[in-house]
Amino acid sequence: MRITLINRFYAPDQSATAQLLTDLAEHLASSGHQVQVITSRLDYARGMTDWPPLETRNGVQVRRVKTTGFGRHSLRLRVFDYLSFYLSAFIAVLWHVRRGELVVVKTDPPLLAVALAPAIALKRAGLVNWLQDLYPEVAERLGVRLPASVFGALRSLRNRTLRAARLNGVLGERMREEISAHSEHICVLPNWAIHPTEQAPATPNPLRLSLGFDEQFVVGYSGNLGRAHDFSVILAAARALQHDAQIQFLIIGGGAGKLELQAAAAAERLPNLHFLPYQALERLNESLGAIDLHLISLNPAMEGLIVPSKLYGILAAGRATLFLGDPAGDIARTLAAHSAGLSTASGAIDGLLLELKQDRARLHAFGLRAREAHLAVFARERALENWTRALLAC
């Protein structure tokens, strides 16, 4: 089978969407399929690169099209980056996609399938949507200021691509419910742990030691802390527990929320709130293992539109999770189904953290069951095989 996969980022970029796409593309190529990727020359963290416009990586033909590279510092300039990729990818589909092949389109930039569906139809190829998020609903619920008629028009165009697709791959049941009225061709295909496949070791963790943590109870957040995540709960807990030296908060990653949280911590001189940048992939298992209890936060309004993929790395590392958000959401359902952690609606969590600090055996049990869930349900190899079977059935 000949398969084209399209996303704005691809290896050696290390963003989550790039790594997930790379895993699937290379798995398909190793299984004997003819695979090409259409992507940009951008790096998520560094912007424009000198990566070659055409190369073969691990059996995958990678075509990097020209785009603008203004970056993420301005929403208006970011729109230019999106538009330039829409246009370049559209042309690339017309030139390089063959009749009858499958074209798997991700959602970076947003509504990418809307821009590319006409070209895919002209080539008489099969559209597959890989939905990491649902736009325009995400923008609408985050308060982006556009006329209701614009959101309605974008939603109508998006729904048309859902109906036209041979397959719509979604991340969870709530996302499936969101689009079920617009397509019968939906399959729940969760993401997977990008890198850490080994359980975090119980031996002294170098990252913990470098931060001066010994027997402290470390509550952490690893990954992007963006507008869809509620950091106020973390700040309130750190503020309430600042005089308990045995509880420390560690934020690893980036995002607008992290910058605001850092500013608040500095202004209030909170001694128990610590920050680190994103860690290299080869140290990810170590950084995940440095945390005793991982926090995952999601604004309840985003349920069904986004599923934080950081959960799968936490499960793989064998660590407990406390989910802050809708107790009926996809993350909460997963934790409950596998007894891998707890969920609570956004609110004060300092009392719960004090309880868990005193019950390390419970945390350890959560971690063991998290690792079991990873191996039995969410392992990378299993997820990739599920994707392969779904594509072959198109």
Protein backbone atom coordinates (compact mmCIF):
# COMPACT_ATOMS: atom_id res chain seq x y z
CA MET A 1 0.00 0.00 0.00
CA ARG A 2 1.14 3.54 -0.73
CA ILE A 3 0.48 5.99 2.13
CA THR A 4 1.15 9.72 2.49
CA LEU A 5 1.15 11.32 5.94
CA ILE A 6 0.93 15.11 6.37
CA ASN A 7 1.77 17.25 9.38
CA ARG A 8 3.67 20.51 9.88
CA PHE A 9 6.36 18.82 12.03
CA TYR A 10 8.32 15.60 11.58
CA ALA A 11 11.58 14.07 12.82
CA PRO A 12 14.15 15.15 13.78
CA ASP A 13 11.75 17.62 15.39
CA GLN A 14 10.93 16.40 18.92
CA SER A 15 7.43 17.80 19.42
CA ALA A 16 4.72 15.29 20.32
CA THR A 17 2.89 15.45 16.98
CA ALA A 18 6.16 14.99 15.10
CA GLN A 19 7.26 12.01 17.16
CA LEU A 20 3.89 10.28 16.92
CA LEU A 21 3.82 10.75 13.14
CA THR A 22 7.40 9.52 12.85
CA ASP A 23 6.62 6.39 14.84
CA LEU A 24 3.66 5.53 12.61
CA ALA A 25 5.41 6.37 9.34
CA GLU A 26 8.47 4.28 10.17
CA HIS A 27 6.34 1.40 11.42
CA LEU A 28 4.36 1.37 8.17
CA ALA A 29 7.56 1.50 6.12
CA SER A 30 9.11 -1.36 8.08
CA SER A 31 5.95 -3.38 7.41
CA GLY A 32 6.54 -3.14 3.68
CA HIS A 33 4.34 -0.18 2.75
CA GLN A 34 5.51 2.68 0.50
CA VAL A 35 5.40 5.73 2.75
CA GLN A 36 6.00 9.41 2.15
CA VAL A 37 5.60 12.36 4.52
CA ILE A 38 4.76 15.93 3.53
CA THR A 39 5.93 18.33 6.22
CA SER A 40 7.62 21.70 6.71
CA ARG A 41 11.24 22.69 7.28
CA LEU A 42 10.35 24.05 10.72
CA ASP A 43 11.45 22.87 14.13
CA TYR A 44 8.81 23.40 16.84
CA ALA A 45 11.33 24.84 19.31
CA ARG A 46 13.89 26.51 17.01
CA GLY A 47 11.90 27.72 14.00
CA MET A 48 13.35 27.56 10.50
CA THR A 49 16.02 24.90 9.84
CA ASP A 50 18.37 23.87 7.05
CA TRP A 51 16.90 20.38 6.83
CA PRO A 52 16.92 19.03 3.26
CA PRO A 53 13.78 19.42 1.13
CA LEU A 54 13.86 15.73 0.20
CA GLU A 55 15.43 12.81 2.04
CA THR A 56 14.77 9.23 3.06
CA ARG A 57 14.74 8.53 6.80
CA ASN A 58 14.42 4.92 7.96
CA GLY A 59 12.59 3.91 4.81
CA VAL A 60 10.27 6.96 4.74
CA GLN A 61 10.50 9.51 1.94
CA VAL A 62 10.27 12.94 3.58
CA ARG A 63 9.28 16.00 1.53
CA ARG A 64 9.76 19.31 3.35
CA VAL A 65 7.88 22.15 1.72
CA LYS A 66 8.64 25.86 1.99
CA THR A 67 6.67 27.91 4.54
CA THR A 68 7.07 31.10 6.52
CA GLY A 69 8.63 30.70 9.95
CA PHE A 70 7.46 33.59 12.09
CA GLY A 71 7.01 31.30 15.11
CA ARG A 72 4.60 31.19 18.04
CA HIS A 73 5.11 34.62 19.59
CA SER A 74 2.27 36.31 17.73
CA LEU A 75 -1.10 34.79 16.84
CA ARG A 76 -1.36 36.91 13.69
CA LEU A 77 2.09 35.90 12.46
CA ARG A 78 1.37 32.29 13.34
CA VAL A 79 -1.62 32.45 11.00
CA PHE A 80 0.77 33.31 8.16
CA ASP A 81 2.78 30.18 8.99
CA TYR A 82 -0.42 28.14 8.85
CA LEU A 83 -1.56 29.64 5.55
CA SER A 84 1.81 29.11 3.91
CA PHE A 85 1.81 25.43 4.93
CA TYR A 86 -1.77 24.98 3.67
CA LEU A 87 -0.73 26.31 0.26
CA SER A 88 2.58 24.43 -0.02
CA ALA A 89 1.08 21.15 1.20
CA PHE A 90 -1.86 21.57 -1.23
CA ILE A 91 0.57 21.88 -4.14
CA ALA A 92 2.63 18.94 -2.86
CA VAL A 93 -0.49 16.74 -2.76
CA LEU A 94 -1.26 17.64 -6.38
CA TRP A 95 2.28 16.81 -7.47
CA HIS A 96 3.17 13.80 -5.33
CA VAL A 97 0.01 11.91 -4.31
CA ARG A 98 -1.17 9.13 -6.61
CA ARG A 99 -4.65 7.97 -7.41
CA GLY A 100 -6.00 5.42 -4.93
CA GLU A 101 -3.45 5.91 -2.13
CA LEU A 102 -4.32 6.84 1.45
CA VAL A 103 -3.53 10.32 2.72
CA VAL A 104 -3.36 10.58 6.53
CA VAL A 105 -3.80 14.20 7.61
CA LYS A 106 -3.07 15.34 11.17
CA THR A 107 -4.33 18.54 12.79
CA ASP A 108 -1.20 20.73 12.87
CA PRO A 109 -1.94 23.31 11.68
CA PRO A 110 -5.60 23.34 12.71
CA LEU A 111 -8.16 22.43 10.04
CA LEU A 112 -5.43 21.07 7.77
CA ALA A 113 -7.82 18.54 6.24
CA VAL A 114 -10.20 21.35 5.25
CA ALA A 115 -7.39 22.97 3.26
CA LEU A 116 -6.20 19.73 1.64
CA ALA A 117 -9.46 17.85 1.02
CA PRO A 118 -10.06 19.41 -2.44
CA ALA A 119 -6.57 18.39 -3.62
CA ILE A 120 -6.98 14.87 -2.20
CA ALA A 121 -10.35 14.55 -3.97
CA LEU A 122 -8.87 15.77 -7.27
CA LYS A 123 -6.22 13.05 -7.01
CA ARG A 124 -8.95 10.50 -6.20
CA ALA A 125 -7.04 9.46 -3.10
CA GLY A 126 -8.53 8.37 0.23
CA LEU A 127 -8.61 10.86 3.10
CA VAL A 128 -7.85 9.67 6.64
CA ASN A 129 -8.22 12.20 9.48
CA TRP A 130 -5.90 11.75 12.46
CA LEU A 131 -7.62 14.05 14.93
CA GLN A 132 -5.33 15.22 17.73
CA ASP A 133 -7.81 17.98 18.53
CA LEU A 134 -11.08 19.37 17.23
CA TYR A 135 -11.10 22.81 15.64
CA PRO A 136 -12.79 25.24 15.46
CA GLU A 137 -14.37 24.17 18.78
CA VAL A 138 -11.05 24.49 20.65
CA ALA A 139 -10.61 28.09 19.53
CA GLU A 140 -14.25 28.90 20.20
CA ARG A 141 -14.19 27.55 23.77
CA LEU A 142 -10.88 29.27 24.50
CA GLY A 143 -12.52 32.58 23.70
CA VAL A 144 -10.91 33.41 20.36
CA ARG A 145 -12.78 36.43 19.05
CA LEU A 146 -14.36 35.62 15.73
CA PRO A 147 -17.93 36.14 14.54
CA ALA A 148 -20.24 33.21 15.22
CA SER A 149 -20.85 32.97 11.47
CA VAL A 150 -17.13 32.30 10.91
CA PHE A 151 -17.08 29.52 13.49
CA GLY A 152 -20.21 28.09 11.91
CA ALA A 153 -18.69 28.11 8.43
CA LEU A 154 -15.46 26.49 9.63
CA ARG A 155 -17.40 23.84 11.52
CA SER A 156 -19.45 23.07 8.41
CA LEU A 157 -16.31 22.67 6.29
CA ARG A 158 -14.66 20.49 8.96
CA ASN A 159 -17.74 18.28 9.18
CA ARG A 160 -17.66 17.84 5.42
CA THR A 161 -14.14 16.41 5.67
CA LEU A 162 -15.31 14.05 8.44
CA ARG A 163 -18.05 12.72 6.18
CA ALA A 164 -15.71 12.41 3.20
CA ALA A 165 -12.98 10.54 5.11
CA ARG A 166 -12.54 6.80 4.86
CA LEU A 167 -11.44 6.84 8.49
CA ASN A 168 -11.50 9.36 11.33
CA GLY A 169 -9.00 8.35 14.01
CA VAL A 170 -9.82 9.92 17.39
CA LEU A 171 -8.01 9.80 20.72
CA GLY A 172 -10.84 8.88 23.08
CA GLU A 173 -14.51 8.08 23.56
CA ARG A 174 -15.49 11.66 24.33
CA MET A 175 -13.93 12.81 21.05
CA ARG A 176 -15.76 10.02 19.24
CA GLU A 177 -19.02 11.25 20.79
CA GLU A 178 -18.28 14.81 19.64
CA ILE A 179 -18.12 13.84 15.95
CA SER A 180 -20.41 10.80 15.87
CA ALA A 181 -23.23 12.76 14.22
CA HIS A 182 -21.00 13.57 11.24
CA SER A 183 -19.41 10.24 10.32
CA GLU A 184 -19.87 6.51 10.69
CA HIS A 185 -16.19 5.87 9.98
CA ILE A 186 -14.70 6.56 13.40
CA CYS A 187 -12.12 4.53 15.28
CA VAL A 188 -10.73 5.27 18.75
CA LEU A 189 -6.95 5.09 18.37
CA PRO A 190 -5.19 6.45 21.49
CA ASN A 191 -1.72 7.95 21.38
CA TRP A 192 1.22 6.21 23.03
CA ALA A 193 4.36 6.93 25.02
CA ILE A 194 6.79 8.58 22.62
CA HIS A 195 10.01 7.54 24.33
CA PRO A 196 10.04 5.95 27.81
CA THR A 197 9.33 2.25 27.42
CA GLU A 198 11.08 1.23 30.62
CA GLN A 199 9.62 1.63 34.08
CA ALA A 200 11.32 4.42 35.99
CA PRO A 201 13.92 2.75 38.25
CA ALA A 202 13.61 2.80 42.01
CA THR A 203 17.33 3.62 42.41
CA PRO A 204 18.30 7.20 43.35
CA ASN A 205 17.17 9.51 40.55
CA PRO A 206 19.94 11.85 39.30
CA LEU A 207 17.49 14.65 38.57
CA ARG A 208 15.97 14.48 42.05
CA LEU A 209 19.44 14.52 43.60
CA SER A 210 20.48 17.53 41.51
CA LEU A 211 17.47 19.43 42.83
CA GLY A 212 18.24 18.49 46.43
CA PHE A 213 15.20 16.24 46.81
CA ASP A 214 15.72 13.25 49.06
CA GLU A 215 12.68 11.85 50.84
CA GLN A 216 10.40 14.72 49.87
CA PHE A 217 7.06 14.07 48.22
CA VAL A 218 7.47 15.52 44.72
CA VAL A 219 4.30 16.61 42.92
CA GLY A 220 5.00 17.42 39.31
CA TYR A 221 3.73 18.54 35.95
CA SER A 222 5.62 17.49 32.81
CA GLY A 223 4.93 18.92 29.36
CA ASN A 224 3.15 21.87 27.84
CA LEU A 225 1.18 24.10 30.20
CA GLY A 226 -1.00 25.99 27.75
CA ARG A 227 -4.30 27.78 27.61
CA ALA A 228 -6.29 24.54 27.79
CA HIS A 229 -4.72 23.68 31.16
CA ASP A 230 -5.63 25.22 34.52
CA PHE A 231 -2.45 26.13 36.39
CA SER A 232 -4.28 28.10 39.11
CA VAL A 233 -4.94 24.86 41.04
CA ILE A 234 -1.20 24.10 41.13
CA LEU A 235 -0.39 27.62 42.30
CA ALA A 236 -3.05 27.48 45.02
CA ALA A 237 -1.73 24.14 46.30
CA ALA A 238 1.88 25.37 46.35
CA ARG A 239 0.76 28.50 48.19
CA ALA A 240 -1.22 26.50 50.79
CA LEU A 241 1.62 24.01 51.38
CA GLN A 242 4.61 26.36 51.21
CA HIS A 243 5.52 25.79 54.85
CA ASP A 244 5.66 22.00 54.49
CA ALA A 245 9.21 21.31 53.33
CA GLN A 246 8.36 17.67 52.70
CA ILE A 247 6.13 18.56 49.72
CA GLN A 248 7.81 20.07 46.65
CA PHE A 249 6.30 21.02 43.28
CA LEU A 250 8.28 20.50 40.07
CA ILE A 251 7.17 21.91 36.69
CA ILE A 252 9.06 20.53 33.68
CA GLY A 253 8.28 21.84 30.21
CA GLY A 254 6.99 25.05 28.69
CA GLY A 255 3.99 27.01 27.52
CA ALA A 256 2.27 30.29 28.32
CA GLY A 257 0.85 28.87 31.54
CA LYS A 258 4.32 27.96 32.78
CA LEU A 259 5.54 31.51 32.25
CA GLU A 260 2.61 32.91 34.20
CA LEU A 261 3.10 30.34 36.95
CA GLN A 262 6.80 31.22 37.17
CA ALA A 263 5.99 34.91 37.46
CA ALA A 264 3.46 34.26 40.23
CA ALA A 265 5.88 31.99 42.12
CA ALA A 266 8.59 34.64 41.95
CA ALA A 267 6.24 37.42 43.02
CA GLU A 268 5.06 35.42 46.04
CA ARG A 269 8.53 33.97 46.74
CA LEU A 270 7.18 30.44 46.97
CA PRO A 271 10.07 28.18 48.06
CA ASN A 272 8.40 24.91 47.04
CA LEU A 273 7.73 25.61 43.35
CA HIS A 274 10.58 24.62 41.01
CA PHE A 275 10.90 24.92 37.22
CA LEU A 276 12.92 23.10 34.57
CA PRO A 277 12.83 23.35 30.77
CA TYR A 278 11.85 20.47 28.50
CA GLN A 279 14.26 17.58 29.00
CA ALA A 280 16.04 15.74 26.19
CA LEU A 281 14.23 12.61 25.01
CA GLU A 282 17.02 10.39 26.26
CA ARG A 283 16.46 11.80 29.77
CA LEU A 284 12.67 11.69 29.66
CA ASN A 285 12.41 8.48 31.66
CA GLU A 286 14.60 10.05 34.33
CA SER A 287 12.56 13.28 34.44
CA LEU A 288 9.24 11.42 34.63
CA GLY A 289 10.69 9.18 37.32
CA ALA A 290 11.74 12.16 39.43
CA ILE A 291 8.07 12.87 40.20
CA ASP A 292 6.10 10.86 42.77
CA LEU A 293 2.68 12.13 41.71
CA HIS A 294 2.05 13.55 38.23
CA LEU A 295 -0.59 16.20 37.69
CA ILE A 296 -2.54 16.36 34.45
CA SER A 297 -4.83 19.34 34.02
CA LEU A 298 -7.51 19.99 31.42
CA ASN A 299 -10.15 22.68 31.33
CA PRO A 300 -13.48 20.78 31.45
CA ALA A 301 -14.65 22.82 28.44
CA MET A 302 -11.94 21.07 26.41
CA GLU A 303 -13.19 17.55 27.10
CA GLY A 304 -13.89 15.74 23.87
CA LEU A 305 -11.69 18.19 21.96
CA ILE A 306 -8.26 17.35 23.39
CA VAL A 307 -6.75 14.34 25.18
CA PRO A 308 -3.42 15.21 26.90
CA SER A 309 -0.91 12.69 25.52
CA LYS A 310 1.39 13.11 28.51
CA LEU A 311 -0.67 10.40 30.25
CA TYR A 312 0.93 7.64 28.16
CA GLY A 313 4.48 8.52 29.17
CA ILE A 314 3.42 8.60 32.83
CA LEU A 315 1.83 5.16 32.51
CA ALA A 316 4.96 3.81 30.82
CA ALA A 317 7.16 5.21 33.58
CA GLY A 318 4.98 3.53 36.20
CA ARG A 319 4.00 6.65 38.09
CA ALA A 320 0.74 7.71 39.78
CA THR A 321 -1.45 10.44 38.27
CA LEU A 322 -3.82 13.01 39.74
CA PHE A 323 -6.09 14.38 37.02
CA LEU A 324 -7.52 17.86 37.52
CA GLY A 325 -10.60 18.23 35.37
CA ASP A 326 -13.87 16.59 34.41
CA PRO A 327 -14.21 13.33 36.41
CA ALA A 328 -16.19 11.91 33.47
CA GLY A 329 -13.50 12.81 30.92
CA ASP A 330 -11.27 10.45 28.94
CA ILE A 331 -8.25 10.77 31.24
CA ALA A 332 -10.40 10.21 34.32
CA ARG A 333 -12.01 7.15 32.69
CA THR A 334 -8.63 5.66 31.86
CA LEU A 335 -7.24 6.18 35.37
CA ALA A 336 -10.35 4.67 36.93
CA ALA A 337 -10.47 1.70 34.56
CA HIS A 338 -6.88 0.74 35.40
CA SER A 339 -6.71 2.00 39.02
CA ALA A 340 -3.67 4.05 37.97
CA GLY A 341 -4.51 7.27 39.79
CA LEU A 342 -7.17 9.67 40.97
CA SER A 343 -9.31 12.40 39.44
CA THR A 344 -10.85 15.49 40.94
CA ALA A 345 -12.75 18.48 39.61
CA SER A 346 -10.69 21.67 39.64
CA GLY A 347 -10.51 23.05 43.17
CA ALA A 348 -8.38 22.87 46.30
CA ILE A 349 -6.11 19.79 46.28
CA ASP A 350 -3.79 20.58 49.19
CA GLY A 351 -5.72 18.29 51.56
CA LEU A 352 -5.57 15.41 49.11
CA LEU A 353 -1.85 15.93 48.60
CA LEU A 354 -1.27 15.77 52.35
CA GLU A 355 -3.15 12.47 52.47
CA LEU A 356 -1.15 10.99 49.60
CA LYS A 357 2.14 12.15 51.11
CA GLN A 358 1.37 9.91 54.07
CA ASP A 359 0.29 6.95 51.94
CA ARG A 360 3.29 6.08 49.76
CA ALA A 361 2.07 2.47 49.52
CA ARG A 362 -1.03 3.67 47.71
CA LEU A 363 1.06 5.74 45.30
CA HIS A 364 3.30 2.75 44.66
CA ALA A 365 0.26 0.59 43.87
CA PHE A 366 -1.02 3.23 41.44
CA GLY A 367 2.37 3.19 39.74
CA LEU A 368 2.45 -0.58 39.38
CA ARG A 369 -1.02 -0.62 37.84
CA ALA A 370 -0.07 2.27 35.55
CA ARG A 371 2.82 0.22 34.19
CA GLU A 372 0.53 -2.80 33.77
CA ALA A 373 -1.94 -0.64 31.81
CA HIS A 374 0.86 0.58 29.57
CA LEU A 375 2.01 -2.95 28.77
CA ALA A 376 -1.46 -4.42 28.33
CA VAL A 377 -3.28 -1.61 26.50
CA PHE A 378 -1.21 1.43 25.60
CA ALA A 379 2.18 0.06 24.52
CA ARG A 380 3.69 1.69 21.44
CA GLU A 381 3.80 -1.54 19.43
CA ARG A 382 0.15 -2.30 20.16
CA ALA A 383 -0.94 1.23 19.20
CA LEU A 384 0.98 1.12 15.93
CA GLU A 385 -0.49 -2.26 15.02
CA ASN A 386 -3.97 -0.91 15.74
CA TRP A 387 -3.31 1.98 13.37
CA THR A 388 -1.98 -0.37 10.70
CA ARG A 389 -5.04 -2.59 10.88
CA ALA A 390 -7.35 0.42 10.71
CA LEU A 391 -5.60 1.74 7.59
CA LEU A 392 -5.63 -1.64 5.87
CA ALA A 393 -9.37 -1.84 6.48
CA CYS A 394 -10.02 1.48 4.68
